Amino acid sequence: TNVGIADWATAFGVTAAMLDRLLHRATVVGIDGPSYRLRSHQSTSD
């Protein structure tokens, strides 16, 4: 997702308990850079 974890509760309508269970054993990887899915669109718009 492109939504930060702090905003998940409002963006996805989940509770803190649900987030706790989801992230309990999760590995969170922050990826910074251009979107692979939007690459073609960005090339055309450029």
ModelCIF file with pLDDT and N, C-alpha, C, O atoms, coordinates in Angstrom:
data_MODEL
#
_entry.id   MODEL 
#
_entity.id                         1 
_entity.type                       polymer 
_entity.pdbx_number_of_molecules   1 
#
_entity_poly.entity_id                      1 
_entity_poly.type                           'polypeptide(L)' 
_entity_poly.nstd_linkage                   no 
_entity_poly.nstd_monomer                   no 
_entity_poly.pdbx_seq_one_letter_code       TNVGIADWATAFGVTAAMLDRLLHRATVVGIDGPSYRLRSHQSTSD 
_entity_poly.pdbx_seq_one_letter_code_can   TNVGIADWATAFGVTAAMLDRLLHRATVVGIDGPSYRLRSHQSTSD 
_entity_poly.pdbx_strand_id                 A 
#
loop_
_entity_poly_seq.entity_id 
_entity_poly_seq.num 
_entity_poly_seq.mon_id 
_entity_poly_seq.hetero 
1 1  THR n 
1 2  ASN n 
1 3  VAL n 
1 4  GLY n 
1 5  ILE n 
1 6  ALA n 
1 7  ASP n 
1 8  TRP n 
1 9  ALA n 
1 10 THR n 
1 11 ALA n 
1 12 PHE n 
1 13 GLY n 
1 14 VAL n 
1 15 THR n 
1 16 ALA n 
1 17 ALA n 
1 18 MET n 
1 19 LEU n 
1 20 ASP n 
1 21 ARG n 
1 22 LEU n 
1 23 LEU n 
1 24 HIS n 
1 25 ARG n 
1 26 ALA n 
1 27 THR n 
1 28 VAL n 
1 29 VAL n 
1 30 GLY n 
1 31 ILE n 
1 32 ASP n 
1 33 GLY n 
1 34 PRO n 
1 35 SER n 
1 36 TYR n 
1 37 ARG n 
1 38 LEU n 
1 39 ARG n 
1 40 SER n 
1 41 HIS n 
1 42 GLN n 
1 43 SER n 
1 44 THR n 
1 45 SER n 
1 46 ASP n 
#
_struct_asym.id          A 
_struct_asym.entity_id   1 
#
loop_
_ma_qa_metric.id 
_ma_qa_metric.mode 
_ma_qa_metric.name 
_ma_qa_metric.software_group_id 
_ma_qa_metric.type 
1 global pLDDT . pLDDT 
2 local  pLDDT . pLDDT 
#
_ma_qa_metric_global.metric_id      1 
_ma_qa_metric_global.metric_value   85.02 
_ma_qa_metric_global.model_id       1 
_ma_qa_metric_global.ordinal_id     1 
#
loop_
_ma_qa_metric_local.label_asym_id 
_ma_qa_metric_local.label_comp_id 
_ma_qa_metric_local.label_seq_id 
_ma_qa_metric_local.metric_id 
_ma_qa_metric_local.metric_value 
_ma_qa_metric_local.model_id 
_ma_qa_metric_local.ordinal_id 
A THR 1  2 83.00 1 1  
A ASN 2  2 82.00 1 2  
A VAL 3  2 86.00 1 3  
A GLY 4  2 85.00 1 4  
A ILE 5  2 85.00 1 5  
A ALA 6  2 85.00 1 6  
A ASP 7  2 89.00 1 7  
A TRP 8  2 86.00 1 8  
A ALA 9  2 85.00 1 9  
A THR 10 2 88.00 1 10 
A ALA 11 2 87.00 1 11 
A PHE 12 2 86.00 1 12 
A GLY 13 2 87.00 1 13 
A VAL 14 2 84.00 1 14 
A THR 15 2 87.00 1 15 
A ALA 16 2 84.00 1 16 
A ALA 17 2 89.00 1 17 
A MET 18 2 88.00 1 18 
A LEU 19 2 87.00 1 19 
A ASP 20 2 89.00 1 20 
A ARG 21 2 90.00 1 21 
A LEU 22 2 86.00 1 22 
A LEU 23 2 88.00 1 23 
A HIS 24 2 90.00 1 24 
A ARG 25 2 90.00 1 25 
A ALA 26 2 89.00 1 26 
A THR 27 2 89.00 1 27 
A VAL 28 2 87.00 1 28 
A VAL 29 2 87.00 1 29 
A GLY 30 2 84.00 1 30 
A ILE 31 2 82.00 1 31 
A ASP 32 2 82.00 1 32 
A GLY 33 2 79.00 1 33 
A PRO 34 2 77.00 1 34 
A SER 35 2 76.00 1 35 
A TYR 36 2 77.00 1 36 
A ARG 37 2 77.00 1 37 
A LEU 38 2 80.00 1 38 
A ARG 39 2 80.00 1 39 
A SER 40 2 80.00 1 40 
A HIS 41 2 85.00 1 41 
A GLN 42 2 85.00 1 42 
A SER 43 2 84.00 1 43 
A THR 44 2 88.00 1 44 
A SER 45 2 89.00 1 45 
A ASP 46 2 88.00 1 46 
#
loop_
_atom_site.group_PDB 
_atom_site.id 
_atom_site.type_symbol 
_atom_site.label_atom_id 
_atom_site.label_alt_id 
_atom_site.label_comp_id 
_atom_site.label_asym_id 
_atom_site.label_entity_id 
_atom_site.label_seq_id 
_atom_site.pdbx_PDB_ins_code 
_atom_site.Cartn_x 
_atom_site.Cartn_y 
_atom_site.Cartn_z 
_atom_site.occupancy 
_atom_site.B_iso_or_equiv 
_atom_site.pdbx_formal_charge 
_atom_site.auth_seq_id 
_atom_site.auth_comp_id 
_atom_site.auth_asym_id 
_atom_site.auth_atom_id 
_atom_site.pdbx_PDB_model_num 
ATOM 1   N N  . THR A 1 1  ? 0.846   -1.189  0.000   1.00 83.00 ? 1  THR A N  1 
ATOM 2   C CA . THR A 1 1  ? 0.000   0.000   0.000   1.00 83.00 ? 1  THR A CA 1 
ATOM 3   C C  . THR A 1 1  ? 0.883   1.241   0.000   1.00 83.00 ? 1  THR A C  1 
ATOM 4   O O  . THR A 1 1  ? 2.043   1.196   0.410   1.00 83.00 ? 1  THR A O  1 
ATOM 5   N N  . ASN A 1 2  ? 0.327   2.327   -0.457  1.00 82.00 ? 2  ASN A N  1 
ATOM 6   C CA . ASN A 1 2  ? 1.044   3.593   -0.399  1.00 82.00 ? 2  ASN A CA 1 
ATOM 7   C C  . ASN A 1 2  ? 0.590   4.423   0.801   1.00 82.00 ? 2  ASN A C  1 
ATOM 8   O O  . ASN A 1 2  ? 0.962   5.590   0.932   1.00 82.00 ? 2  ASN A O  1 
ATOM 9   N N  . VAL A 1 3  ? -0.209  3.820   1.669   1.00 86.00 ? 3  VAL A N  1 
ATOM 10  C CA . VAL A 1 3  ? -0.703  4.483   2.876   1.00 86.00 ? 3  VAL A CA 1 
ATOM 11  C C  . VAL A 1 3  ? 0.192   4.081   4.043   1.00 86.00 ? 3  VAL A C  1 
ATOM 12  O O  . VAL A 1 3  ? 0.466   2.897   4.239   1.00 86.00 ? 3  VAL A O  1 
ATOM 13  N N  . GLY A 1 4  ? 0.641   5.051   4.808   1.00 85.00 ? 4  GLY A N  1 
ATOM 14  C CA . GLY A 1 4  ? 1.473   4.764   5.973   1.00 85.00 ? 4  GLY A CA 1 
ATOM 15  C C  . GLY A 1 4  ? 0.707   4.006   7.043   1.00 85.00 ? 4  GLY A C  1 
ATOM 16  O O  . GLY A 1 4  ? -0.510  4.153   7.161   1.00 85.00 ? 4  GLY A O  1 
ATOM 17  N N  . ILE A 1 5  ? 1.409   3.200   7.819   1.00 85.00 ? 5  ILE A N  1 
ATOM 18  C CA . ILE A 1 5  ? 0.769   2.375   8.844   1.00 85.00 ? 5  ILE A CA 1 
ATOM 19  C C  . ILE A 1 5  ? -0.046  3.227   9.815   1.00 85.00 ? 5  ILE A C  1 
ATOM 20  O O  . ILE A 1 5  ? -1.111  2.803   10.264  1.00 85.00 ? 5  ILE A O  1 
ATOM 21  N N  . ALA A 1 6  ? 0.435   4.407   10.138  1.00 85.00 ? 6  ALA A N  1 
ATOM 22  C CA . ALA A 1 6  ? -0.283  5.288   11.067  1.00 85.00 ? 6  ALA A CA 1 
ATOM 23  C C  . ALA A 1 6  ? -1.659  5.672   10.532  1.00 85.00 ? 6  ALA A C  1 
ATOM 24  O O  . ALA A 1 6  ? -2.556  5.991   11.313  1.00 85.00 ? 6  ALA A O  1 
ATOM 25  N N  . ASP A 1 7  ? -1.836  5.647   9.223   1.00 89.00 ? 7  ASP A N  1 
ATOM 26  C CA . ASP A 1 7  ? -3.107  6.041   8.612   1.00 89.00 ? 7  ASP A CA 1 
ATOM 27  C C  . ASP A 1 7  ? -3.994  4.862   8.228   1.00 89.00 ? 7  ASP A C  1 
ATOM 28  O O  . ASP A 1 7  ? -5.072  5.070   7.671   1.00 89.00 ? 7  ASP A O  1 
ATOM 29  N N  . TRP A 1 8  ? -3.577  3.642   8.507   1.00 86.00 ? 8  TRP A N  1 
ATOM 30  C CA . TRP A 1 8  ? -4.352  2.461   8.114   1.00 86.00 ? 8  TRP A CA 1 
ATOM 31  C C  . TRP A 1 8  ? -5.727  2.417   8.764   1.00 86.00 ? 8  TRP A C  1 
ATOM 32  O O  . TRP A 1 8  ? -6.703  2.026   8.123   1.00 86.00 ? 8  TRP A O  1 
ATOM 33  N N  . ALA A 1 9  ? -5.813  2.808   10.013  1.00 85.00 ? 9  ALA A N  1 
ATOM 34  C CA . ALA A 1 9  ? -7.090  2.728   10.724  1.00 85.00 ? 9  ALA A CA 1 
ATOM 35  C C  . ALA A 1 9  ? -8.166  3.542   10.013  1.00 85.00 ? 9  ALA A C  1 
ATOM 36  O O  . ALA A 1 9  ? -9.291  3.070   9.848   1.00 85.00 ? 9  ALA A O  1 
ATOM 37  N N  . THR A 1 10 ? -7.835  4.740   9.599   1.00 88.00 ? 10 THR A N  1 
ATOM 38  C CA . THR A 1 10 ? -8.832  5.570   8.922   1.00 88.00 ? 10 THR A CA 1 
ATOM 39  C C  . THR A 1 10 ? -8.975  5.191   7.452   1.00 88.00 ? 10 THR A C  1 
ATOM 40  O O  . THR A 1 10 ? -10.081 5.239   6.913   1.00 88.00 ? 10 THR A O  1 
ATOM 41  N N  . ALA A 1 11 ? -7.893  4.820   6.800   1.00 87.00 ? 11 ALA A N  1 
ATOM 42  C CA . ALA A 1 11 ? -7.952  4.513   5.373   1.00 87.00 ? 11 ALA A CA 1 
ATOM 43  C C  . ALA A 1 11 ? -8.674  3.208   5.097   1.00 87.00 ? 11 ALA A C  1 
ATOM 44  O O  . ALA A 1 11 ? -9.422  3.110   4.124   1.00 87.00 ? 11 ALA A O  1 
ATOM 45  N N  . PHE A 1 12 ? -8.463  2.204   5.937   1.00 86.00 ? 12 PHE A N  1 
ATOM 46  C CA . PHE A 1 12 ? -9.029  0.883   5.688   1.00 86.00 ? 12 PHE A CA 1 
ATOM 47  C C  . PHE A 1 12 ? -10.129 0.507   6.662   1.00 86.00 ? 12 PHE A C  1 
ATOM 48  O O  . PHE A 1 12 ? -10.714 -0.570  6.542   1.00 86.00 ? 12 PHE A O  1 
ATOM 49  N N  . GLY A 1 13 ? -10.422 1.361   7.615   1.00 87.00 ? 13 GLY A N  1 
ATOM 50  C CA . GLY A 1 13 ? -11.491 1.086   8.571   1.00 87.00 ? 13 GLY A CA 1 
ATOM 51  C C  . GLY A 1 13 ? -11.187 -0.089  9.490   1.00 87.00 ? 13 GLY A C  1 
ATOM 52  O O  . GLY A 1 13 ? -12.082 -0.868  9.818   1.00 87.00 ? 13 GLY A O  1 
ATOM 53  N N  . VAL A 1 14 ? -9.946  -0.219  9.904   1.00 84.00 ? 14 VAL A N  1 
ATOM 54  C CA . VAL A 1 14 ? -9.573  -1.311  10.799  1.00 84.00 ? 14 VAL A CA 1 
ATOM 55  C C  . VAL A 1 14 ? -9.299  -0.763  12.196  1.00 84.00 ? 14 VAL A C  1 
ATOM 56  O O  . VAL A 1 14 ? -8.975  0.413   12.362  1.00 84.00 ? 14 VAL A O  1 
ATOM 57  N N  . THR A 1 15 ? -9.432  -1.619  13.180  1.00 87.00 ? 15 THR A N  1 
ATOM 58  C CA . THR A 1 15 ? -9.195  -1.205  14.560  1.00 87.00 ? 15 THR A CA 1 
ATOM 59  C C  . THR A 1 15 ? -7.735  -1.446  14.937  1.00 87.00 ? 15 THR A C  1 
ATOM 60  O O  . THR A 1 15 ? -6.996  -2.127  14.225  1.00 87.00 ? 15 THR A O  1 
ATOM 61  N N  . ALA A 1 16 ? -7.340  -0.877  16.066  1.00 84.00 ? 16 ALA A N  1 
ATOM 62  C CA . ALA A 1 16 ? -5.973  -1.063  16.554  1.00 84.00 ? 16 ALA A CA 1 
ATOM 63  C C  . ALA A 1 16 ? -5.693  -2.534  16.832  1.00 84.00 ? 16 ALA A C  1 
ATOM 64  O O  . ALA A 1 16 ? -4.578  -3.003  16.602  1.00 84.00 ? 16 ALA A O  1 
ATOM 65  N N  . ALA A 1 17 ? -6.685  -3.266  17.323  1.00 89.00 ? 17 ALA A N  1 
ATOM 66  C CA . ALA A 1 17 ? -6.497  -4.698  17.600  1.00 89.00 ? 17 ALA A CA 1 
ATOM 67  C C  . ALA A 1 17 ? -6.249  -5.476  16.309  1.00 89.00 ? 17 ALA A C  1 
ATOM 68  O O  . ALA A 1 17 ? -5.425  -6.390  16.280  1.00 89.00 ? 17 ALA A O  1 
ATOM 69  N N  . MET A 1 18 ? -6.959  -5.116  15.252  1.00 88.00 ? 18 MET A N  1 
ATOM 70  C CA . MET A 1 18 ? -6.752  -5.786  13.962  1.00 88.00 ? 18 MET A CA 1 
ATOM 71  C C  . MET A 1 18 ? -5.357  -5.483  13.424  1.00 88.00 ? 18 MET A C  1 
ATOM 72  O O  . MET A 1 18 ? -4.684  -6.374  12.904  1.00 88.00 ? 18 MET A O  1 
ATOM 73  N N  . LEU A 1 19 ? -4.922  -4.235  13.546  1.00 87.00 ? 19 LEU A N  1 
ATOM 74  C CA . LEU A 1 19 ? -3.579  -3.867  13.101  1.00 87.00 ? 19 LEU A CA 1 
ATOM 75  C C  . LEU A 1 19 ? -2.516  -4.610  13.906  1.00 87.00 ? 19 LEU A C  1 
ATOM 76  O O  . LEU A 1 19 ? -1.507  -5.057  13.360  1.00 87.00 ? 19 LEU A O  1 
ATOM 77  N N  . ASP A 1 20 ? -2.758  -4.735  15.216  1.00 89.00 ? 20 ASP A N  1 
ATOM 78  C CA . ASP A 1 20 ? -1.814  -5.453  16.074  1.00 89.00 ? 20 ASP A CA 1 
ATOM 79  C C  . ASP A 1 20 ? -1.661  -6.896  15.608  1.00 89.00 ? 20 ASP A C  1 
ATOM 80  O O  . ASP A 1 20 ? -0.544  -7.408  15.537  1.00 89.00 ? 20 ASP A O  1 
ATOM 81  N N  . ARG A 1 21 ? -2.758  -7.548  15.296  1.00 90.00 ? 21 ARG A N  1 
ATOM 82  C CA . ARG A 1 21 ? -2.707  -8.936  14.838  1.00 90.00 ? 21 ARG A CA 1 
ATOM 83  C C  . ARG A 1 21 ? -2.066  -9.057  13.459  1.00 90.00 ? 21 ARG A C  1 
ATOM 84  O O  . ARG A 1 21 ? -1.330  -10.008 13.193  1.00 90.00 ? 21 ARG A O  1 
ATOM 85  N N  . LEU A 1 22 ? -2.341  -8.112  12.602  1.00 86.00 ? 22 LEU A N  1 
ATOM 86  C CA . LEU A 1 22 ? -1.772  -8.139  11.259  1.00 86.00 ? 22 LEU A CA 1 
ATOM 87  C C  . LEU A 1 22 ? -0.260  -7.933  11.280  1.00 86.00 ? 22 LEU A C  1 
ATOM 88  O O  . LEU A 1 22 ? 0.473   -8.606  10.556  1.00 86.00 ? 22 LEU A O  1 
ATOM 89  N N  . LEU A 1 23 ? 0.199   -7.011  12.105  1.00 88.00 ? 23 LEU A N  1 
ATOM 90  C CA . LEU A 1 23 ? 1.617   -6.642  12.125  1.00 88.00 ? 23 LEU A CA 1 
ATOM 91  C C  . LEU A 1 23 ? 2.452   -7.416  13.143  1.00 88.00 ? 23 LEU A C  1 
ATOM 92  O O  . LEU A 1 23 ? 3.667   -7.229  13.209  1.00 88.00 ? 23 LEU A O  1 
ATOM 93  N N  . HIS A 1 24 ? 1.822   -8.279  13.934  1.00 90.00 ? 24 HIS A N  1 
ATOM 94  C CA . HIS A 1 24 ? 2.524   -8.968  15.019  1.00 90.00 ? 24 HIS A CA 1 
ATOM 95  C C  . HIS A 1 24 ? 3.785   -9.683  14.539  1.00 90.00 ? 24 HIS A C  1 
ATOM 96  O O  . HIS A 1 24 ? 4.843   -9.521  15.148  1.00 90.00 ? 24 HIS A O  1 
ATOM 97  N N  . ARG A 1 25 ? 3.704   -10.449 13.489  1.00 90.00 ? 25 ARG A N  1 
ATOM 98  C CA . ARG A 1 25 ? 4.875   -11.172 12.971  1.00 90.00 ? 25 ARG A CA 1 
ATOM 99  C C  . ARG A 1 25 ? 5.270   -10.699 11.577  1.00 90.00 ? 25 ARG A C  1 
ATOM 100 O O  . ARG A 1 25 ? 6.019   -11.372 10.870  1.00 90.00 ? 25 ARG A O  1 
ATOM 101 N N  . ALA A 1 26 ? 4.766   -9.556  11.201  1.00 89.00 ? 26 ALA A N  1 
ATOM 102 C CA . ALA A 1 26 ? 5.032   -9.034  9.861   1.00 89.00 ? 26 ALA A CA 1 
ATOM 103 C C  . ALA A 1 26 ? 6.425   -8.420  9.774   1.00 89.00 ? 26 ALA A C  1 
ATOM 104 O O  . ALA A 1 26 ? 7.009   -8.006  10.776  1.00 89.00 ? 26 ALA A O  1 
ATOM 105 N N  . THR A 1 27 ? 6.923   -8.376  8.581   1.00 89.00 ? 27 THR A N  1 
ATOM 106 C CA . THR A 1 27 ? 8.132   -7.633  8.277   1.00 89.00 ? 27 THR A CA 1 
ATOM 107 C C  . THR A 1 27 ? 7.714   -6.454  7.403   1.00 89.00 ? 27 THR A C  1 
ATOM 108 O O  . THR A 1 27 ? 7.204   -6.646  6.299   1.00 89.00 ? 27 THR A O  1 
ATOM 109 N N  . VAL A 1 28 ? 7.924   -5.266  7.884   1.00 87.00 ? 28 VAL A N  1 
ATOM 110 C CA . VAL A 1 28 ? 7.534   -4.063  7.156   1.00 87.00 ? 28 VAL A CA 1 
ATOM 111 C C  . VAL A 1 28 ? 8.748   -3.582  6.368   1.00 87.00 ? 28 VAL A C  1 
ATOM 112 O O  . VAL A 1 28 ? 9.812   -3.328  6.933   1.00 87.00 ? 28 VAL A O  1 
ATOM 113 N N  . VAL A 1 29 ? 8.571   -3.464  5.070   1.00 87.00 ? 29 VAL A N  1 
ATOM 114 C CA . VAL A 1 29 ? 9.649   -3.031  4.180   1.00 87.00 ? 29 VAL A CA 1 
ATOM 115 C C  . VAL A 1 29 ? 9.199   -1.739  3.504   1.00 87.00 ? 29 VAL A C  1 
ATOM 116 O O  . VAL A 1 29 ? 8.204   -1.717  2.779   1.00 87.00 ? 29 VAL A O  1 
ATOM 117 N N  . GLY A 1 30 ? 9.929   -0.689  3.748   1.00 84.00 ? 30 GLY A N  1 
ATOM 118 C CA . GLY A 1 30 ? 9.642   0.585   3.091   1.00 84.00 ? 30 GLY A CA 1 
ATOM 119 C C  . GLY A 1 30 ? 10.340  0.641   1.742   1.00 84.00 ? 30 GLY A C  1 
ATOM 120 O O  . GLY A 1 30 ? 11.556  0.467   1.656   1.00 84.00 ? 30 GLY A O  1 
ATOM 121 N N  . ILE A 1 31 ? 9.582   0.881   0.708   1.00 82.00 ? 31 ILE A N  1 
ATOM 122 C CA . ILE A 1 31 ? 10.138  0.952   -0.638  1.00 82.00 ? 31 ILE A CA 1 
ATOM 123 C C  . ILE A 1 31 ? 9.965   2.379   -1.130  1.00 82.00 ? 31 ILE A C  1 
ATOM 124 O O  . ILE A 1 31 ? 8.851   2.903   -1.170  1.00 82.00 ? 31 ILE A O  1 
ATOM 125 N N  . ASP A 1 32 ? 11.066  2.998   -1.501  1.00 82.00 ? 32 ASP A N  1 
ATOM 126 C CA . ASP A 1 32 ? 11.024  4.374   -1.971  1.00 82.00 ? 32 ASP A CA 1 
ATOM 127 C C  . ASP A 1 32 ? 11.567  4.408   -3.392  1.00 82.00 ? 32 ASP A C  1 
ATOM 128 O O  . ASP A 1 32 ? 12.647  3.883   -3.663  1.00 82.00 ? 32 ASP A O  1 
ATOM 129 N N  . GLY A 1 33 ? 10.835  5.012   -4.275  1.00 79.00 ? 33 GLY A N  1 
ATOM 130 C CA . GLY A 1 33 ? 11.284  5.100   -5.650  1.00 79.00 ? 33 GLY A CA 1 
ATOM 131 C C  . GLY A 1 33 ? 10.098  5.183   -6.592  1.00 79.00 ? 33 GLY A C  1 
ATOM 132 O O  . GLY A 1 33 ? 8.952   5.246   -6.147  1.00 79.00 ? 33 GLY A O  1 
ATOM 133 N N  . PRO A 1 34 ? 10.362  5.182   -7.877  1.00 77.00 ? 34 PRO A N  1 
ATOM 134 C CA . PRO A 1 34 ? 9.279   5.304   -8.849  1.00 77.00 ? 34 PRO A CA 1 
ATOM 135 C C  . PRO A 1 34 ? 8.396   4.061   -8.868  1.00 77.00 ? 34 PRO A C  1 
ATOM 136 O O  . PRO A 1 34 ? 8.862   2.950   -8.612  1.00 77.00 ? 34 PRO A O  1 
ATOM 137 N N  . SER A 1 35 ? 7.142   4.257   -9.169  1.00 76.00 ? 35 SER A N  1 
ATOM 138 C CA . SER A 1 35 ? 6.175   3.164   -9.226  1.00 76.00 ? 35 SER A CA 1 
ATOM 139 C C  . SER A 1 35 ? 6.378   2.335   -10.480 1.00 76.00 ? 35 SER A C  1 
ATOM 140 O O  . SER A 1 35 ? 6.451   2.872   -11.586 1.00 76.00 ? 35 SER A O  1 
ATOM 141 N N  . TYR A 1 36 ? 6.469   1.026   -10.303 1.00 77.00 ? 36 TYR A N  1 
ATOM 142 C CA . TYR A 1 36 ? 6.612   0.124   -11.448 1.00 77.00 ? 36 TYR A CA 1 
ATOM 143 C C  . TYR A 1 36 ? 5.340   0.133   -12.298 1.00 77.00 ? 36 TYR A C  1 
ATOM 144 O O  . TYR A 1 36 ? 5.408   0.107   -13.526 1.00 77.00 ? 36 TYR A O  1 
ATOM 145 N N  . ARG A 1 37 ? 4.181   0.169   -11.635 1.00 77.00 ? 37 ARG A N  1 
ATOM 146 C CA . ARG A 1 37 ? 2.908   0.130   -12.355 1.00 77.00 ? 37 ARG A CA 1 
ATOM 147 C C  . ARG A 1 37 ? 2.660   1.401   -13.161 1.00 77.00 ? 37 ARG A C  1 
ATOM 148 O O  . ARG A 1 37 ? 2.015   1.352   -14.208 1.00 77.00 ? 37 ARG A O  1 
ATOM 149 N N  . LEU A 1 38 ? 3.161   2.524   -12.689 1.00 80.00 ? 38 LEU A N  1 
ATOM 150 C CA . LEU A 1 38 ? 2.898   3.799   -13.357 1.00 80.00 ? 38 LEU A CA 1 
ATOM 151 C C  . LEU A 1 38 ? 3.984   4.193   -14.353 1.00 80.00 ? 38 LEU A C  1 
ATOM 152 O O  . LEU A 1 38 ? 3.913   5.267   -14.952 1.00 80.00 ? 38 LEU A O  1 
ATOM 153 N N  . ARG A 1 39 ? 4.984   3.340   -14.535 1.00 80.00 ? 39 ARG A N  1 
ATOM 154 C CA . ARG A 1 39 ? 6.126   3.666   -15.384 1.00 80.00 ? 39 ARG A CA 1 
ATOM 155 C C  . ARG A 1 39 ? 5.692   4.047   -16.806 1.00 80.00 ? 39 ARG A C  1 
ATOM 156 O O  . ARG A 1 39 ? 6.144   5.061   -17.337 1.00 80.00 ? 39 ARG A O  1 
ATOM 157 N N  . SER A 1 40 ? 4.828   3.250   -17.418 1.00 80.00 ? 40 SER A N  1 
ATOM 158 C CA . SER A 1 40 ? 4.372   3.524   -18.785 1.00 80.00 ? 40 SER A CA 1 
ATOM 159 C C  . SER A 1 40 ? 3.592   4.835   -18.846 1.00 80.00 ? 40 SER A C  1 
ATOM 160 O O  . SER A 1 40 ? 3.800   5.645   -19.750 1.00 80.00 ? 40 SER A O  1 
ATOM 161 N N  . HIS A 1 41 ? 2.707   5.039   -17.893 1.00 85.00 ? 41 HIS A N  1 
ATOM 162 C CA . HIS A 1 41 ? 1.911   6.263   -17.856 1.00 85.00 ? 41 HIS A CA 1 
ATOM 163 C C  . HIS A 1 41 ? 2.806   7.491   -17.689 1.00 85.00 ? 41 HIS A C  1 
ATOM 164 O O  . HIS A 1 41 ? 2.598   8.508   -18.352 1.00 85.00 ? 41 HIS A O  1 
ATOM 165 N N  . GLN A 1 42 ? 3.789   7.397   -16.816 1.00 85.00 ? 42 GLN A N  1 
ATOM 166 C CA . GLN A 1 42 ? 4.683   8.519   -16.579 1.00 85.00 ? 42 GLN A CA 1 
ATOM 167 C C  . GLN A 1 42 ? 5.505   8.831   -17.820 1.00 85.00 ? 42 GLN A C  1 
ATOM 168 O O  . GLN A 1 42 ? 5.756   9.999   -18.117 1.00 85.00 ? 42 GLN A O  1 
ATOM 169 N N  . SER A 1 43 ? 5.924   7.807   -18.544 1.00 84.00 ? 43 SER A N  1 
ATOM 170 C CA . SER A 1 43 ? 6.692   8.007   -19.771 1.00 84.00 ? 43 SER A CA 1 
ATOM 171 C C  . SER A 1 43 ? 5.847   8.737   -20.813 1.00 84.00 ? 43 SER A C  1 
ATOM 172 O O  . SER A 1 43 ? 6.316   9.674   -21.459 1.00 84.00 ? 43 SER A O  1 
ATOM 173 N N  . THR A 1 44 ? 4.602   8.301   -20.969 1.00 88.00 ? 44 THR A N  1 
ATOM 174 C CA . THR A 1 44 ? 3.699   8.939   -21.931 1.00 88.00 ? 44 THR A CA 1 
ATOM 175 C C  . THR A 1 44 ? 3.420   10.387  -21.551 1.00 88.00 ? 44 THR A C  1 
ATOM 176 O O  . THR A 1 44 ? 3.439   11.268  -22.410 1.00 88.00 ? 44 THR A O  1 
ATOM 177 N N  . SER A 1 45 ? 3.160   10.638  -20.268 1.00 89.00 ? 45 SER A N  1 
ATOM 178 C CA . SER A 1 45 ? 2.865   12.008  -19.847 1.00 89.00 ? 45 SER A CA 1 
ATOM 179 C C  . SER A 1 45 ? 4.086   12.910  -19.996 1.00 89.00 ? 45 SER A C  1 
ATOM 180 O O  . SER A 1 45 ? 3.943   14.092  -20.312 1.00 89.00 ? 45 SER A O  1 
ATOM 181 N N  . ASP A 1 46 ? 5.278   12.373  -19.775 1.00 88.00 ? 46 ASP A N  1 
ATOM 182 C CA . ASP A 1 46 ? 6.497   13.166  -19.987 1.00 88.00 ? 46 ASP A CA 1 
ATOM 183 C C  . ASP A 1 46 ? 6.649   13.560  -21.449 1.00 88.00 ? 46 ASP A C  1 
ATOM 184 O O  . ASP A 1 46 ? 7.618   14.229  -21.811 1.00 88.00 ? 46 ASP A O  1 
#
